[in-house]
Amino acid sequence: MESIKEIYKIGYGPSSSHTMGPRKASEIFLAKHPECHKFEVTLYGSLAATGKGHLTDYAVQSVLSQQGEVKINWQPEIFLPYHPNGMTLKSFDENGKETDSWTVYSIGGGSLSEGSGEINKVSARYTMRNMSEIKQWCERTGKSYWEYVKECEDEDLWDYLAEVWKVMREAVKRGLENEGVLPGPLNLRRKAGTYYIKARGYKQSLQSRGLVFAYALAVSEENAGGGRIVTAPTCGSCGVVPAVLYHLQETREFSDSRIIRALATAGLVGNIAKHNASISGAEVGCQGEVGVACAMASAAANQLFGGSPAQIEYAAEMGLEHHLGMTCDPVCGMVQIPCIERNAYAAARALDANLYSSFTDGMHRVSFDKVVQVMKETGNDLPSVYKETSQGGLAKDFEQM
């Protein structure tokens, strides 16, 4: 497994697979062809089906149009064999002759692949690749998951996670202050600020849940508006982890150093899911995005409250298990409905998973690794209309932009 920096990528929304990935691919292609002044980009499958709602065309054009004319072709009915998010970039000389063609896949979390492994993939950091093995190491050494991360990563990880936490906090605060309507045809109003104000008026038992909702909405709405966020593990699920950690720091006064260690554990959980299954909604549905985010937040919260390695693993298992089978069905291809609301519910569910696990001794029958395996199998069995094509589920019968 690679560095958990690949789970936490700082960038701009609304989609890691549909915005960050295509933008990166365009930058790579442009750097290879500084002499060309005409480009043609064909988007396939899920990338084409929901690309306009996710601003894929804007991401591509913002890069390539700096140098010349850009034509974009949409092929939502054609799914290339390696991954649903395929794209082909072509360059042309001044006489209109094609000079190069490159097919690449946006595989989730802003990562790219040519079909035979991730492009610019960092070297493997982790010798153990499943939670059960790492949990046994923790029990044998007396250390926690974040300490395993520390042994595998370079020292600069902690400065990077400090920046990640800073960006997450800033996204929460901006989202609570911003008002108005989110971009796109749905005319969806921002709700985070209203939820925050209402939550502050309730007694403690209801206030806590309302504030978590508000924080998750704040980050998710910032993402939907193209704001600066952190993938955790994706843009579409970026509100869950910061909502839980921001809430716990505000109410329980956990130090930044403890929060950063919790982020390390959460990143490890996300890394295991990415390595052994997928975090791409186009590949396995929303279970790979919001479900994995919930598992990450559940583990982080349980660690903060002093959970044992077994309890932390159990919290993560519940966070993912109870999202199994969740479809990715964005209305109008936009990361707004039902995505934003799902972030809020997943944040609350993460706190519930933490609480439930803390009442146990950590012993349970279904392991986190088993749930990751089932998530992958379930994702493979899901029809493509339920995997970020905006053709089925809640998105059915809504016009595409």
Protein backbone atom coordinates (compact mmCIF):
# COMPACT_ATOMS: atom_id res chain seq x y z
CA MET A 1 0.00 0.00 0.00
CA GLU A 2 1.13 3.53 -0.77
CA SER A 3 1.34 6.54 1.53
CA ILE A 4 -1.87 7.76 3.14
CA LYS A 5 -1.09 11.10 1.51
CA GLU A 6 -2.86 9.52 -1.48
CA ILE A 7 -6.04 9.28 0.61
CA TYR A 8 -5.86 12.90 1.75
CA LYS A 9 -5.44 15.12 -1.30
CA ILE A 10 -5.91 18.87 -0.97
CA GLY A 11 -7.72 20.41 -3.90
CA TYR A 12 -10.92 21.88 -5.26
CA GLY A 13 -14.31 20.18 -5.70
CA PRO A 14 -16.71 18.97 -6.68
CA SER A 15 -15.32 15.52 -7.60
CA SER A 16 -11.99 13.77 -7.12
CA SER A 17 -12.69 11.31 -9.95
CA HIS A 18 -14.50 13.71 -12.30
CA THR A 19 -12.68 16.97 -11.58
CA MET A 20 -9.29 16.39 -9.94
CA GLY A 21 -8.39 13.34 -12.05
CA PRO A 22 -9.25 14.79 -15.50
CA ARG A 23 -7.53 18.06 -14.58
CA LYS A 24 -4.37 16.17 -13.67
CA ALA A 25 -4.54 14.12 -16.88
CA SER A 26 -4.89 17.31 -18.92
CA GLU A 27 -1.89 18.85 -17.19
CA ILE A 28 0.25 15.77 -17.93
CA PHE A 29 -0.84 15.70 -21.57
CA LEU A 30 -0.29 19.42 -22.05
CA ALA A 31 3.24 19.18 -20.62
CA LYS A 32 4.05 16.49 -23.23
CA HIS A 33 2.82 18.63 -26.13
CA PRO A 34 3.81 22.27 -25.68
CA GLU A 35 3.93 22.64 -29.48
CA CYS A 36 0.28 21.71 -30.13
CA HIS A 37 -2.58 24.18 -30.38
CA LYS A 38 -5.55 21.87 -30.83
CA PHE A 39 -6.82 19.09 -28.58
CA GLU A 40 -9.67 16.64 -28.63
CA VAL A 41 -10.85 14.89 -25.48
CA THR A 42 -13.34 12.02 -25.45
CA LEU A 43 -14.99 11.12 -22.16
CA TYR A 44 -16.42 7.62 -21.72
CA GLY A 45 -18.84 5.82 -19.43
CA SER A 46 -19.48 7.35 -16.04
CA LEU A 47 -17.03 10.16 -16.73
CA ALA A 48 -19.23 11.25 -19.64
CA ALA A 49 -22.58 10.45 -18.00
CA THR A 50 -22.11 12.79 -15.05
CA GLY A 51 -19.20 14.88 -16.33
CA LYS A 52 -21.15 18.08 -16.93
CA GLY A 53 -22.68 18.03 -13.49
CA HIS A 54 -19.25 17.43 -11.98
CA LEU A 55 -17.58 20.14 -14.11
CA THR A 56 -15.33 17.67 -15.95
CA ASP A 57 -15.44 19.75 -19.12
CA TYR A 58 -14.49 22.87 -17.18
CA ALA A 59 -11.57 21.06 -15.51
CA VAL A 60 -10.23 19.88 -18.88
CA GLN A 61 -10.75 23.14 -20.72
CA SER A 62 -9.26 25.25 -17.94
CA VAL A 63 -5.95 23.47 -18.60
CA LEU A 64 -5.83 22.74 -22.32
CA SER A 65 -7.47 25.97 -23.50
CA GLN A 66 -4.47 27.89 -22.19
CA GLN A 67 -2.64 26.62 -25.26
CA GLY A 68 -5.28 26.16 -27.93
CA GLU A 69 -8.66 24.96 -29.13
CA VAL A 70 -10.34 22.16 -27.19
CA LYS A 71 -13.10 19.86 -28.43
CA ILE A 72 -14.84 17.54 -25.99
CA ASN A 73 -16.77 14.43 -27.06
CA TRP A 74 -19.24 12.73 -24.72
CA GLN A 75 -19.66 8.94 -24.93
CA PRO A 76 -21.71 7.88 -21.88
CA GLU A 77 -22.82 4.61 -23.52
CA ILE A 78 -19.27 3.37 -24.11
CA PHE A 79 -17.49 1.78 -21.15
CA LEU A 80 -13.82 1.03 -21.67
CA PRO A 81 -12.74 -2.33 -20.20
CA TYR A 82 -10.43 -1.22 -17.39
CA HIS A 83 -12.55 1.33 -15.50
CA PRO A 84 -15.85 3.25 -15.98
CA ASN A 85 -14.03 6.60 -15.86
CA GLY A 86 -12.08 6.45 -19.12
CA MET A 87 -10.91 9.33 -21.28
CA THR A 88 -8.83 9.71 -24.45
CA LEU A 89 -6.81 12.85 -25.14
CA LYS A 90 -5.56 13.65 -28.64
CA SER A 91 -3.23 16.39 -29.85
CA PHE A 92 -3.03 17.90 -33.35
CA ASP A 93 -0.40 19.97 -35.14
CA GLU A 94 -1.03 23.22 -37.00
CA ASN A 95 -2.10 21.27 -40.11
CA GLY A 96 -4.72 19.32 -38.18
CA LYS A 97 -2.72 16.09 -38.19
CA GLU A 98 -3.01 13.95 -35.08
CA THR A 99 0.30 13.78 -33.23
CA ASP A 100 -0.55 11.73 -30.16
CA SER A 101 -3.37 9.85 -28.44
CA TRP A 102 -3.48 8.87 -24.78
CA THR A 103 -6.15 6.82 -23.02
CA VAL A 104 -6.19 7.19 -19.26
CA TYR A 105 -8.55 6.36 -16.41
CA SER A 106 -9.57 8.44 -13.40
CA ILE A 107 -9.78 5.67 -10.80
CA GLY A 108 -10.96 7.67 -7.78
CA GLY A 109 -9.48 9.97 -5.19
CA GLY A 110 -7.82 12.03 -7.93
CA SER A 111 -5.59 9.12 -9.01
CA LEU A 112 -4.93 8.11 -12.62
CA SER A 113 -4.13 4.82 -14.33
CA GLU A 114 -3.24 3.76 -17.86
CA GLY A 115 -4.80 0.38 -17.22
CA SER A 116 -1.75 -1.33 -15.76
CA GLY A 117 -1.27 0.40 -12.45
CA GLU A 118 -1.53 3.89 -11.05
CA ILE A 119 0.38 6.70 -12.79
CA ASN A 120 3.09 8.34 -10.69
CA LYS A 121 2.23 5.94 -7.93
CA VAL A 122 4.42 6.45 -4.90
CA SER A 123 6.45 3.50 -3.73
CA ALA A 124 4.84 1.02 -1.38
CA ARG A 125 5.05 2.03 2.26
CA TYR A 126 3.15 -0.71 4.03
CA THR A 127 4.20 -4.36 4.12
CA MET A 128 0.94 -5.36 5.82
CA ARG A 129 -2.12 -4.80 3.64
CA ASN A 130 -5.13 -5.88 5.66
CA MET A 131 -6.60 -4.79 8.96
CA SER A 132 -6.44 -8.19 10.66
CA GLU A 133 -2.70 -8.42 10.14
CA ILE A 134 -2.12 -4.87 11.38
CA LYS A 135 -4.40 -5.44 14.39
CA GLN A 136 -2.34 -8.48 15.37
CA TRP A 137 0.82 -6.35 15.10
CA CYS A 138 -0.76 -3.77 17.41
CA GLU A 139 -1.74 -6.38 19.97
CA ARG A 140 1.71 -8.00 19.80
CA THR A 141 3.66 -4.74 20.17
CA GLY A 142 1.26 -2.85 22.42
CA LYS A 143 1.13 -0.02 19.89
CA SER A 144 -1.81 1.56 18.08
CA TYR A 145 -2.65 1.92 14.41
CA TRP A 146 -1.26 5.44 14.14
CA GLU A 147 2.07 4.14 15.45
CA TYR A 148 2.13 1.57 12.65
CA VAL A 149 1.58 4.44 10.23
CA LYS A 150 4.48 6.26 11.86
CA GLU A 151 6.78 3.28 11.32
CA CYS A 152 5.88 3.06 7.63
CA GLU A 153 5.76 6.71 6.55
CA ASP A 154 8.39 9.43 6.20
CA GLU A 155 8.69 11.99 8.97
CA ASP A 156 7.15 14.72 6.81
CA LEU A 157 3.76 12.96 6.99
CA TRP A 158 2.93 14.72 10.24
CA ASP A 159 3.47 18.17 8.75
CA TYR A 160 1.31 17.11 5.81
CA LEU A 161 -1.47 15.88 8.10
CA ALA A 162 -1.25 19.14 10.03
CA GLU A 163 -1.93 20.97 6.75
CA VAL A 164 -4.76 18.53 5.97
CA TRP A 165 -6.37 19.29 9.33
CA LYS A 166 -5.97 23.02 8.76
CA VAL A 167 -7.71 22.82 5.36
CA MET A 168 -10.47 20.66 6.83
CA ARG A 169 -11.14 23.13 9.63
CA GLU A 170 -11.14 26.05 7.21
CA ALA A 171 -13.67 24.26 5.00
CA VAL A 172 -15.99 23.74 7.97
CA LYS A 173 -15.76 27.40 8.98
CA ARG A 174 -16.26 28.72 5.44
CA GLY A 175 -19.19 26.40 4.91
CA LEU A 176 -20.90 27.60 8.08
CA GLU A 177 -20.59 31.23 6.97
CA ASN A 178 -21.42 30.90 3.28
CA GLU A 179 -25.03 31.28 2.19
CA GLY A 180 -26.96 31.21 -1.07
CA VAL A 181 -27.62 28.67 -3.82
CA LEU A 182 -25.15 26.04 -4.99
CA PRO A 183 -24.16 26.02 -8.69
CA GLY A 184 -26.28 24.03 -11.13
CA PRO A 185 -29.89 23.49 -12.17
CA LEU A 186 -31.13 22.04 -8.87
CA ASN A 187 -31.20 25.47 -7.17
CA LEU A 188 -30.18 23.80 -3.92
CA ARG A 189 -29.73 26.25 -1.08
CA ARG A 190 -26.88 25.92 1.37
CA LYS A 191 -28.13 24.63 4.73
CA ALA A 192 -25.07 24.34 6.98
CA GLY A 193 -25.39 27.78 8.58
CA THR A 194 -29.08 27.27 9.35
CA TYR A 195 -28.45 23.84 10.87
CA TYR A 196 -25.67 25.30 13.00
CA ILE A 197 -27.84 28.12 14.35
CA LYS A 198 -30.76 25.79 15.07
CA ALA A 199 -28.54 23.19 16.73
CA ARG A 200 -27.08 25.74 19.11
CA GLY A 201 -30.60 26.38 20.43
CA TYR A 202 -31.25 22.77 21.46
CA LYS A 203 -30.35 21.07 24.70
CA GLN A 204 -27.16 19.04 24.78
CA SER A 205 -28.58 15.69 23.63
CA LEU A 206 -29.98 17.10 20.38
CA GLN A 207 -27.42 19.85 19.98
CA SER A 208 -24.55 17.40 19.52
CA ARG A 209 -26.21 15.61 16.60
CA GLY A 210 -27.34 18.86 14.99
CA LEU A 211 -23.84 20.32 15.11
CA VAL A 212 -22.36 17.22 13.46
CA PHE A 213 -24.95 17.56 10.71
CA ALA A 214 -24.00 21.22 10.28
CA TYR A 215 -20.27 20.55 10.05
CA ALA A 216 -20.71 17.77 7.47
CA LEU A 217 -23.07 19.94 5.42
CA ALA A 218 -20.59 22.82 5.61
CA VAL A 219 -17.72 20.87 4.05
CA SER A 220 -19.89 19.04 1.52
CA GLU A 221 -21.48 22.29 0.37
CA GLU A 222 -18.06 23.87 0.01
CA ASN A 223 -17.07 20.93 -2.18
CA ALA A 224 -20.25 21.20 -4.27
CA GLY A 225 -19.48 24.88 -4.79
CA GLY A 226 -15.97 24.12 -6.04
CA GLY A 227 -14.29 25.16 -2.79
CA ARG A 228 -10.98 23.96 -1.34
CA ILE A 229 -11.35 20.68 0.52
CA VAL A 230 -9.50 17.46 1.34
CA THR A 231 -10.44 14.11 -0.18
CA ALA A 232 -11.30 11.75 2.65
CA PRO A 233 -11.22 9.49 0.77
CA THR A 234 -12.96 11.35 -2.11
CA CYS A 235 -14.47 14.76 -2.81
CA GLY A 236 -18.00 13.38 -2.74
CA SER A 237 -17.45 12.03 0.78
CA CYS A 238 -15.19 14.81 2.05
CA GLY A 239 -17.57 16.04 4.77
CA VAL A 240 -17.67 12.98 7.02
CA VAL A 241 -14.19 12.83 8.59
CA PRO A 242 -13.76 16.60 9.19
CA ALA A 243 -17.29 16.86 10.65
CA VAL A 244 -16.61 14.17 13.24
CA LEU A 245 -13.13 15.39 14.18
CA TYR A 246 -14.12 19.07 14.25
CA HIS A 247 -17.07 18.27 16.51
CA LEU A 248 -14.98 16.18 18.90
CA GLN A 249 -12.28 18.81 19.11
CA GLU A 250 -14.81 21.57 19.77
CA THR A 251 -16.73 19.63 22.43
CA ARG A 252 -14.01 17.49 24.02
CA GLU A 253 -11.02 19.78 23.51
CA PHE A 254 -8.79 17.16 21.92
CA SER A 255 -5.42 18.65 20.98
CA ASP A 256 -4.33 19.05 17.37
CA SER A 257 -1.69 16.35 17.88
CA ARG A 258 -4.35 13.84 18.94
CA ILE A 259 -6.55 14.81 16.01
CA ILE A 260 -3.62 14.32 13.62
CA ARG A 261 -2.94 10.85 15.04
CA ALA A 262 -6.63 10.06 14.54
CA LEU A 263 -6.29 11.24 10.93
CA ALA A 264 -3.39 8.81 10.50
CA THR A 265 -5.55 5.91 11.68
CA ALA A 266 -8.44 7.03 9.49
CA GLY A 267 -6.08 7.24 6.52
CA LEU A 268 -4.88 3.70 7.17
CA VAL A 269 -8.49 2.46 7.14
CA GLY A 270 -9.15 4.26 3.85
CA ASN A 271 -5.92 2.92 2.39
CA ILE A 272 -6.87 -0.68 3.17
CA ALA A 273 -10.26 -0.21 1.48
CA LYS A 274 -8.68 1.45 -1.56
CA HIS A 275 -5.97 -1.20 -1.93
CA ASN A 276 -8.20 -4.25 -1.46
CA ALA A 277 -11.38 -2.92 -3.10
CA SER A 278 -12.07 0.61 -4.36
CA ILE A 279 -13.02 4.12 -3.26
CA SER A 280 -14.49 5.00 -6.66
CA GLY A 281 -18.24 5.52 -6.87
CA ALA A 282 -18.08 4.72 -10.56
CA GLU A 283 -16.58 1.33 -9.74
CA VAL A 284 -18.35 0.15 -6.56
CA GLY A 285 -21.06 2.72 -5.86
CA CYS A 286 -21.36 5.12 -2.95
CA GLN A 287 -20.40 2.40 -0.46
CA GLY A 288 -16.83 2.99 -1.64
CA GLU A 289 -17.06 6.73 -0.98
CA VAL A 290 -19.42 7.58 1.90
CA GLY A 291 -19.16 4.05 3.32
CA VAL A 292 -15.37 4.15 3.50
CA ALA A 293 -15.48 7.72 4.83
CA CYS A 294 -17.77 6.55 7.62
CA ALA A 295 -15.38 3.71 8.46
CA MET A 296 -12.48 6.17 8.57
CA ALA A 297 -14.35 8.57 10.86
CA SER A 298 -15.58 5.72 13.10
CA ALA A 299 -12.04 4.45 13.65
CA ALA A 300 -10.69 7.95 14.27
CA ALA A 301 -13.38 8.73 16.85
CA ASN A 302 -12.87 5.43 18.66
CA GLN A 303 -9.14 6.01 18.89
CA LEU A 304 -9.70 9.48 20.36
CA PHE A 305 -11.86 7.96 23.09
CA GLY A 306 -9.19 5.42 23.98
CA GLY A 307 -10.43 2.40 22.08
CA SER A 308 -8.32 -0.74 21.90
CA PRO A 309 -7.07 -1.97 18.49
CA ALA A 310 -9.97 -4.46 18.46
CA GLN A 311 -12.54 -1.78 19.29
CA ILE A 312 -11.14 0.59 16.64
CA GLU A 313 -11.31 -2.17 14.03
CA TYR A 314 -14.89 -2.98 15.11
CA ALA A 315 -15.94 0.66 14.80
CA ALA A 316 -14.48 0.82 11.28
CA GLU A 317 -16.20 -2.45 10.36
CA MET A 318 -19.61 -1.16 11.44
CA GLY A 319 -19.10 2.14 9.65
CA LEU A 320 -18.57 0.33 6.35
CA GLU A 321 -20.88 -2.65 6.87
CA HIS A 322 -23.97 -0.50 7.29
CA HIS A 323 -23.33 1.22 3.97
CA LEU A 324 -22.97 -2.00 1.96
CA GLY A 325 -24.93 -1.86 -1.28
CA MET A 326 -25.31 1.92 -1.29
CA THR A 327 -25.74 3.08 -4.87
CA CYS A 328 -24.08 6.10 -6.46
CA ASP A 329 -27.01 7.90 -8.10
CA PRO A 330 -26.31 11.65 -8.27
CA VAL A 331 -29.33 13.63 -9.44
CA CYS A 332 -28.49 15.50 -12.65
CA GLY A 333 -24.97 14.11 -12.30
CA MET A 334 -24.18 16.63 -9.56
CA VAL A 335 -22.53 16.03 -6.20
CA GLN A 336 -25.50 17.60 -4.38
CA ILE A 337 -28.48 15.24 -4.12
CA PRO A 338 -28.23 12.79 -2.36
CA CYS A 339 -24.49 13.21 -1.76
CA ILE A 340 -24.49 16.16 0.66
CA GLU A 341 -27.16 14.69 2.90
CA ARG A 342 -25.41 11.32 2.92
CA ASN A 343 -22.29 12.96 4.32
CA ALA A 344 -24.29 14.33 7.25
CA TYR A 345 -25.93 10.99 8.02
CA ALA A 346 -22.63 9.12 7.71
CA ALA A 347 -20.97 11.50 10.17
CA ALA A 348 -23.71 10.79 12.71
CA ARG A 349 -23.46 7.07 12.00
CA ALA A 350 -19.71 7.20 12.63
CA LEU A 351 -20.33 8.55 16.11
CA ASP A 352 -22.87 5.78 16.69
CA ALA A 353 -20.39 3.12 15.50
CA ASN A 354 -17.80 4.54 17.90
CA LEU A 355 -20.27 4.46 20.80
CA TYR A 356 -21.50 0.96 20.03
CA SER A 357 -17.97 -0.39 19.78
CA SER A 358 -16.91 1.29 23.01
CA PHE A 359 -19.60 -0.72 24.86
CA THR A 360 -18.02 -3.97 23.64
CA ASP A 361 -14.73 -5.73 24.24
CA GLY A 362 -14.00 -5.49 20.51
CA MET A 363 -14.88 -9.11 19.79
CA HIS A 364 -17.16 -9.69 16.80
CA ARG A 365 -17.73 -12.21 14.02
CA VAL A 366 -17.40 -10.16 10.81
CA SER A 367 -14.02 -8.50 10.30
CA PHE A 368 -13.34 -5.21 8.56
CA ASP A 369 -11.36 -7.10 5.91
CA LYS A 370 -14.39 -9.30 5.21
CA VAL A 371 -16.61 -6.26 4.75
CA VAL A 372 -14.08 -4.70 2.36
CA GLN A 373 -14.12 -7.92 0.33
CA VAL A 374 -17.93 -7.95 0.30
CA MET A 375 -17.99 -4.28 -0.72
CA LYS A 376 -15.85 -5.12 -3.74
CA GLU A 377 -18.04 -8.09 -4.69
CA THR A 378 -21.21 -6.05 -4.21
CA GLY A 379 -19.80 -3.26 -6.34
CA ASN A 380 -19.00 -5.73 -9.11
CA ASP A 381 -22.57 -7.04 -8.97
CA LEU A 382 -24.21 -3.60 -9.07
CA PRO A 383 -25.58 -2.69 -12.52
CA SER A 384 -23.78 0.27 -14.10
CA VAL A 385 -26.88 2.47 -13.77
CA TYR A 386 -26.23 2.52 -10.02
CA LYS A 387 -22.56 3.47 -10.30
CA GLU A 388 -22.26 7.22 -10.98
CA THR A 389 -23.92 7.15 -14.39
CA SER A 390 -26.91 9.18 -13.15
CA GLN A 391 -29.22 6.77 -14.99
CA GLY A 392 -30.74 4.81 -12.11
CA GLY A 393 -31.86 5.06 -8.51
CA LEU A 394 -32.66 8.54 -7.26
CA ALA A 395 -31.24 10.07 -10.42
CA LYS A 396 -33.65 8.23 -12.72
CA ASP A 397 -35.92 10.41 -14.87
CA PHE A 398 -34.02 13.60 -14.06
CA GLU A 399 -32.74 15.38 -17.14
CA GLN A 400 -29.02 15.53 -17.67
CA MET A 401 -27.45 18.91 -18.20
